[in-house]
Amino acid sequence: MTETTTTEYKHILINEGNVPFIKGTSMKVVELITSVHAYGWSPEELHFQYPHLSMSQIYSALAYYWEHKEEIDADMQRRFDYAERLRLEAGESPFSKRLRADGLIK
């Protein structure tokens, strides 16, 4: 069984890896915030895109983010750096090479 810790935010729990997530879902707060950063989505748009989340859950996650912004922003940067490192290590895909050779991409 997964261990969780409650927070002062009604809909936010902390998992055993110290990652905040939205209670009753598997969605991490950082995943919701990434959508805000990437697409500029409002709470209403977040609800449209993630209909399994209530507006109360969304606002709770947003409030948690603003109270823990530095920590969550650092987590997002770590995730980006990890993905970028994997992308560079993997090199160009055979498909991209073929498109480049055919002059379809630069």
N, C-alpha and C. Protein backbone atom coordinates (compact mmCIF):
# COMPACT_ATOMS: atom_id res chain seq x y z
N MET A 1 0.83 -1.18 0.00
CA MET A 1 0.00 0.00 0.00
C MET A 1 0.87 1.24 0.00
N THR A 2 0.49 2.25 -0.75
CA THR A 2 1.25 3.47 -0.87
C THR A 2 1.01 4.36 0.35
N GLU A 3 2.08 4.87 0.90
CA GLU A 3 1.99 5.80 2.02
C GLU A 3 1.78 7.21 1.49
N THR A 4 0.86 7.94 2.11
CA THR A 4 0.63 9.33 1.74
C THR A 4 0.59 10.19 2.99
N THR A 5 0.86 11.46 2.78
CA THR A 5 0.80 12.45 3.85
C THR A 5 -0.21 13.50 3.46
N THR A 6 -1.01 13.93 4.42
CA THR A 6 -1.97 14.98 4.14
C THR A 6 -1.27 16.34 4.15
N THR A 7 -1.92 17.32 3.55
CA THR A 7 -1.43 18.70 3.56
C THR A 7 -2.55 19.58 4.09
N GLU A 8 -2.28 20.85 4.22
CA GLU A 8 -3.33 21.78 4.64
C GLU A 8 -4.29 22.09 3.50
N TYR A 9 -4.00 21.56 2.32
CA TYR A 9 -4.86 21.75 1.15
C TYR A 9 -5.78 20.53 1.04
N LYS A 10 -7.06 20.79 1.03
CA LYS A 10 -8.07 19.73 1.09
C LYS A 10 -7.85 18.63 0.06
N HIS A 11 -7.46 18.98 -1.14
CA HIS A 11 -7.38 18.00 -2.23
C HIS A 11 -5.95 17.58 -2.60
N ILE A 12 -4.98 17.95 -1.80
CA ILE A 12 -3.59 17.65 -2.13
C ILE A 12 -2.99 16.72 -1.07
N LEU A 13 -2.39 15.63 -1.56
CA LEU A 13 -1.66 14.69 -0.71
C LEU A 13 -0.22 14.64 -1.19
N ILE A 14 0.66 14.13 -0.35
CA ILE A 14 2.07 13.95 -0.70
C ILE A 14 2.35 12.45 -0.69
N ASN A 15 2.91 11.93 -1.80
CA ASN A 15 3.19 10.49 -1.84
C ASN A 15 4.51 10.17 -1.15
N GLU A 16 4.87 8.88 -1.12
CA GLU A 16 6.09 8.45 -0.42
C GLU A 16 7.35 9.02 -1.06
N GLY A 17 7.27 9.46 -2.30
CA GLY A 17 8.41 10.10 -2.97
C GLY A 17 8.44 11.61 -2.73
N ASN A 18 7.60 12.09 -1.83
CA ASN A 18 7.50 13.51 -1.49
C ASN A 18 6.98 14.35 -2.65
N VAL A 19 6.13 13.74 -3.49
CA VAL A 19 5.56 14.42 -4.66
C VAL A 19 4.09 14.72 -4.38
N PRO A 20 3.69 16.00 -4.47
CA PRO A 20 2.28 16.33 -4.24
C PRO A 20 1.41 15.89 -5.42
N PHE A 21 0.26 15.31 -5.09
CA PHE A 21 -0.67 14.89 -6.13
C PHE A 21 -2.10 15.22 -5.69
N ILE A 22 -3.01 15.18 -6.65
CA ILE A 22 -4.40 15.53 -6.39
C ILE A 22 -5.13 14.29 -5.86
N LYS A 23 -5.68 14.43 -4.66
CA LYS A 23 -6.37 13.33 -3.98
C LYS A 23 -7.45 12.72 -4.87
N GLY A 24 -7.51 11.40 -4.90
CA GLY A 24 -8.51 10.70 -5.68
C GLY A 24 -8.11 10.51 -7.14
N THR A 25 -6.91 10.96 -7.50
CA THR A 25 -6.41 10.83 -8.86
C THR A 25 -4.96 10.38 -8.82
N SER A 26 -4.40 10.16 -9.97
CA SER A 26 -2.96 9.89 -10.05
C SER A 26 -2.22 11.11 -10.58
N MET A 27 -2.92 12.24 -10.73
CA MET A 27 -2.31 13.44 -11.31
C MET A 27 -1.48 14.20 -10.27
N LYS A 28 -0.23 14.41 -10.63
CA LYS A 28 0.66 15.20 -9.79
C LYS A 28 0.38 16.68 -10.01
N VAL A 29 0.60 17.47 -8.97
CA VAL A 29 0.43 18.92 -9.08
C VAL A 29 1.33 19.46 -10.20
N VAL A 30 2.54 18.95 -10.30
CA VAL A 30 3.47 19.44 -11.32
C VAL A 30 2.92 19.20 -12.73
N GLU A 31 2.17 18.13 -12.94
CA GLU A 31 1.59 17.86 -14.26
C GLU A 31 0.52 18.90 -14.61
N LEU A 32 -0.28 19.27 -13.63
CA LEU A 32 -1.30 20.29 -13.87
C LEU A 32 -0.63 21.64 -14.16
N ILE A 33 0.38 21.97 -13.39
CA ILE A 33 1.08 23.24 -13.56
C ILE A 33 1.82 23.29 -14.89
N THR A 34 2.33 22.17 -15.34
CA THR A 34 2.99 22.12 -16.65
C THR A 34 2.00 22.52 -17.75
N SER A 35 0.75 22.11 -17.63
CA SER A 35 -0.27 22.51 -18.61
C SER A 35 -0.52 24.01 -18.57
N VAL A 36 -0.48 24.58 -17.38
CA VAL A 36 -0.64 26.04 -17.26
C VAL A 36 0.52 26.74 -17.95
N HIS A 37 1.74 26.28 -17.69
CA HIS A 37 2.92 26.91 -18.27
C HIS A 37 3.00 26.71 -19.79
N ALA A 38 2.69 25.51 -20.23
CA ALA A 38 2.82 25.19 -21.66
C ALA A 38 1.74 25.84 -22.51
N TYR A 39 0.52 25.87 -22.01
CA TYR A 39 -0.60 26.32 -22.83
C TYR A 39 -1.28 27.59 -22.32
N GLY A 40 -0.92 28.04 -21.13
CA GLY A 40 -1.55 29.22 -20.57
C GLY A 40 -3.00 29.00 -20.18
N TRP A 41 -3.34 27.76 -19.85
CA TRP A 41 -4.73 27.42 -19.55
C TRP A 41 -5.20 28.05 -18.24
N SER A 42 -6.40 28.56 -18.26
CA SER A 42 -7.09 29.08 -17.08
C SER A 42 -7.62 27.89 -16.28
N PRO A 43 -8.08 28.13 -15.04
CA PRO A 43 -8.70 27.03 -14.29
C PRO A 43 -9.89 26.41 -15.03
N GLU A 44 -10.66 27.24 -15.70
CA GLU A 44 -11.81 26.72 -16.46
C GLU A 44 -11.35 25.84 -17.62
N GLU A 45 -10.29 26.26 -18.30
CA GLU A 45 -9.76 25.44 -19.40
C GLU A 45 -9.15 24.16 -18.87
N LEU A 46 -8.48 24.23 -17.72
CA LEU A 46 -7.95 23.01 -17.10
C LEU A 46 -9.08 22.03 -16.82
N HIS A 47 -10.20 22.54 -16.33
CA HIS A 47 -11.35 21.68 -16.05
C HIS A 47 -11.91 21.07 -17.35
N PHE A 48 -11.92 21.85 -18.41
CA PHE A 48 -12.38 21.33 -19.70
C PHE A 48 -11.45 20.23 -20.20
N GLN A 49 -10.16 20.45 -20.08
CA GLN A 49 -9.17 19.49 -20.56
C GLN A 49 -9.05 18.26 -19.65
N TYR A 50 -9.29 18.46 -18.37
CA TYR A 50 -9.20 17.37 -17.38
C TYR A 50 -10.54 17.28 -16.65
N PRO A 51 -11.59 16.79 -17.33
CA PRO A 51 -12.93 16.79 -16.73
C PRO A 51 -13.05 15.90 -15.49
N HIS A 52 -12.09 15.01 -15.28
CA HIS A 52 -12.13 14.18 -14.07
C HIS A 52 -11.74 14.96 -12.83
N LEU A 53 -11.22 16.19 -13.01
CA LEU A 53 -10.87 17.04 -11.87
C LEU A 53 -11.99 18.04 -11.62
N SER A 54 -12.32 18.23 -10.37
CA SER A 54 -13.31 19.26 -10.02
C SER A 54 -12.61 20.62 -9.97
N MET A 55 -13.40 21.66 -10.05
CA MET A 55 -12.83 23.00 -9.95
C MET A 55 -12.16 23.17 -8.58
N SER A 56 -12.73 22.57 -7.56
CA SER A 56 -12.14 22.65 -6.23
C SER A 56 -10.76 21.99 -6.20
N GLN A 57 -10.63 20.84 -6.85
CA GLN A 57 -9.32 20.17 -6.92
C GLN A 57 -8.32 21.03 -7.68
N ILE A 58 -8.76 21.64 -8.77
CA ILE A 58 -7.87 22.48 -9.59
C ILE A 58 -7.40 23.68 -8.78
N TYR A 59 -8.32 24.38 -8.15
CA TYR A 59 -7.93 25.56 -7.36
C TYR A 59 -7.05 25.18 -6.18
N SER A 60 -7.28 24.03 -5.58
CA SER A 60 -6.44 23.56 -4.49
C SER A 60 -5.02 23.31 -4.99
N ALA A 61 -4.90 22.67 -6.16
CA ALA A 61 -3.58 22.41 -6.74
C ALA A 61 -2.88 23.72 -7.11
N LEU A 62 -3.62 24.67 -7.66
CA LEU A 62 -3.03 25.96 -8.01
C LEU A 62 -2.56 26.70 -6.76
N ALA A 63 -3.37 26.67 -5.70
CA ALA A 63 -2.97 27.32 -4.45
C ALA A 63 -1.72 26.64 -3.88
N TYR A 64 -1.69 25.32 -3.93
CA TYR A 64 -0.52 24.59 -3.45
C TYR A 64 0.72 25.02 -4.25
N TYR A 65 0.57 25.12 -5.55
CA TYR A 65 1.69 25.54 -6.40
C TYR A 65 2.21 26.91 -5.98
N TRP A 66 1.33 27.88 -5.82
CA TRP A 66 1.78 29.23 -5.49
C TRP A 66 2.44 29.30 -4.12
N GLU A 67 2.05 28.42 -3.22
CA GLU A 67 2.68 28.38 -1.90
C GLU A 67 4.03 27.63 -1.94
N HIS A 68 4.23 26.80 -2.97
CA HIS A 68 5.44 25.98 -3.10
C HIS A 68 6.09 26.17 -4.47
N LYS A 69 5.96 27.36 -5.02
CA LYS A 69 6.38 27.65 -6.39
C LYS A 69 7.85 27.30 -6.65
N GLU A 70 8.73 27.74 -5.79
CA GLU A 70 10.16 27.52 -6.01
C GLU A 70 10.48 26.02 -6.09
N GLU A 71 9.92 25.26 -5.19
CA GLU A 71 10.15 23.81 -5.14
C GLU A 71 9.58 23.12 -6.39
N ILE A 72 8.38 23.48 -6.80
CA ILE A 72 7.75 22.85 -7.96
C ILE A 72 8.41 23.30 -9.26
N ASP A 73 8.78 24.57 -9.34
CA ASP A 73 9.51 25.04 -10.52
C ASP A 73 10.85 24.30 -10.66
N ALA A 74 11.53 24.06 -9.55
CA ALA A 74 12.79 23.30 -9.58
C ALA A 74 12.53 21.87 -10.04
N ASP A 75 11.42 21.27 -9.60
CA ASP A 75 11.06 19.92 -10.04
C ASP A 75 10.81 19.90 -11.55
N MET A 76 10.10 20.91 -12.06
CA MET A 76 9.84 20.97 -13.50
C MET A 76 11.15 21.11 -14.27
N GLN A 77 12.07 21.90 -13.76
CA GLN A 77 13.36 22.07 -14.43
C GLN A 77 14.15 20.77 -14.43
N ARG A 78 14.13 20.05 -13.30
CA ARG A 78 14.81 18.74 -13.23
C ARG A 78 14.22 17.78 -14.25
N ARG A 79 12.91 17.76 -14.37
CA ARG A 79 12.24 16.87 -15.34
C ARG A 79 12.63 17.25 -16.77
N PHE A 80 12.65 18.55 -17.05
CA PHE A 80 13.02 19.00 -18.39
C PHE A 80 14.47 18.61 -18.68
N ASP A 81 15.37 18.86 -17.74
CA ASP A 81 16.78 18.53 -17.94
C ASP A 81 16.97 17.04 -18.18
N TYR A 82 16.24 16.21 -17.45
CA TYR A 82 16.33 14.76 -17.62
C TYR A 82 15.85 14.36 -19.02
N ALA A 83 14.72 14.89 -19.44
CA ALA A 83 14.19 14.58 -20.78
C ALA A 83 15.14 15.06 -21.87
N GLU A 84 15.70 16.23 -21.69
CA GLU A 84 16.64 16.78 -22.68
C GLU A 84 17.90 15.92 -22.76
N ARG A 85 18.40 15.48 -21.61
CA ARG A 85 19.58 14.62 -21.61
C ARG A 85 19.29 13.31 -22.35
N LEU A 86 18.12 12.72 -22.10
CA LEU A 86 17.75 11.47 -22.79
C LEU A 86 17.63 11.70 -24.29
N ARG A 87 17.04 12.85 -24.68
CA ARG A 87 16.89 13.16 -26.10
C ARG A 87 18.25 13.28 -26.78
N LEU A 88 19.18 13.96 -26.12
CA LEU A 88 20.52 14.13 -26.70
C LEU A 88 21.27 12.80 -26.76
N GLU A 89 21.12 11.98 -25.73
CA GLU A 89 21.78 10.67 -25.72
C GLU A 89 21.22 9.75 -26.80
N ALA A 90 19.93 9.86 -27.08
CA ALA A 90 19.30 8.99 -28.08
C ALA A 90 19.73 9.35 -29.49
N GLY A 91 20.07 10.61 -29.70
CA GLY A 91 20.47 11.05 -31.04
C GLY A 91 19.27 11.15 -31.97
N GLU A 92 19.57 11.43 -33.21
CA GLU A 92 18.51 11.62 -34.20
C GLU A 92 17.89 10.28 -34.59
N SER A 93 16.59 10.25 -34.69
CA SER A 93 15.89 9.02 -35.04
C SER A 93 16.09 8.70 -36.53
N PRO A 94 15.99 7.44 -36.91
CA PRO A 94 16.09 7.07 -38.32
C PRO A 94 15.03 7.78 -39.17
N PHE A 95 13.86 7.99 -38.61
CA PHE A 95 12.79 8.68 -39.33
C PHE A 95 13.20 10.13 -39.63
N SER A 96 13.73 10.81 -38.63
CA SER A 96 14.18 12.20 -38.84
C SER A 96 15.31 12.25 -39.87
N LYS A 97 16.21 11.31 -39.80
CA LYS A 97 17.32 11.27 -40.76
C LYS A 97 16.78 11.12 -42.19
N ARG A 98 15.78 10.26 -42.33
CA ARG A 98 15.18 10.06 -43.66
C ARG A 98 14.49 11.33 -44.15
N LEU A 99 13.73 11.98 -43.28
CA LEU A 99 13.08 13.23 -43.66
C LEU A 99 14.10 14.31 -44.04
N ARG A 100 15.20 14.39 -43.27
CA ARG A 100 16.25 15.36 -43.54
C ARG A 100 16.91 15.04 -44.89
N ALA A 101 17.18 13.77 -45.13
CA ALA A 101 17.81 13.37 -46.39
C ALA A 101 16.90 13.68 -47.59
N ASP A 102 15.58 13.59 -47.37
CA ASP A 102 14.63 13.88 -48.44
C ASP A 102 14.34 15.37 -48.56
N GLY A 103 15.00 16.19 -47.70
CA GLY A 103 14.80 17.62 -47.75
C GLY A 103 13.48 18.10 -47.19
N LEU A 104 12.81 17.25 -46.43
CA LEU A 104 11.50 17.61 -45.89
C LEU A 104 11.59 18.38 -44.57
N ILE A 105 12.73 18.25 -43.89
CA ILE A 105 12.98 19.06 -42.69
C ILE A 105 14.41 19.54 -42.74
N LYS A 106 14.70 20.56 -41.95
CA LYS A 106 16.08 21.10 -41.91
C LYS A 106 16.84 20.54 -40.76
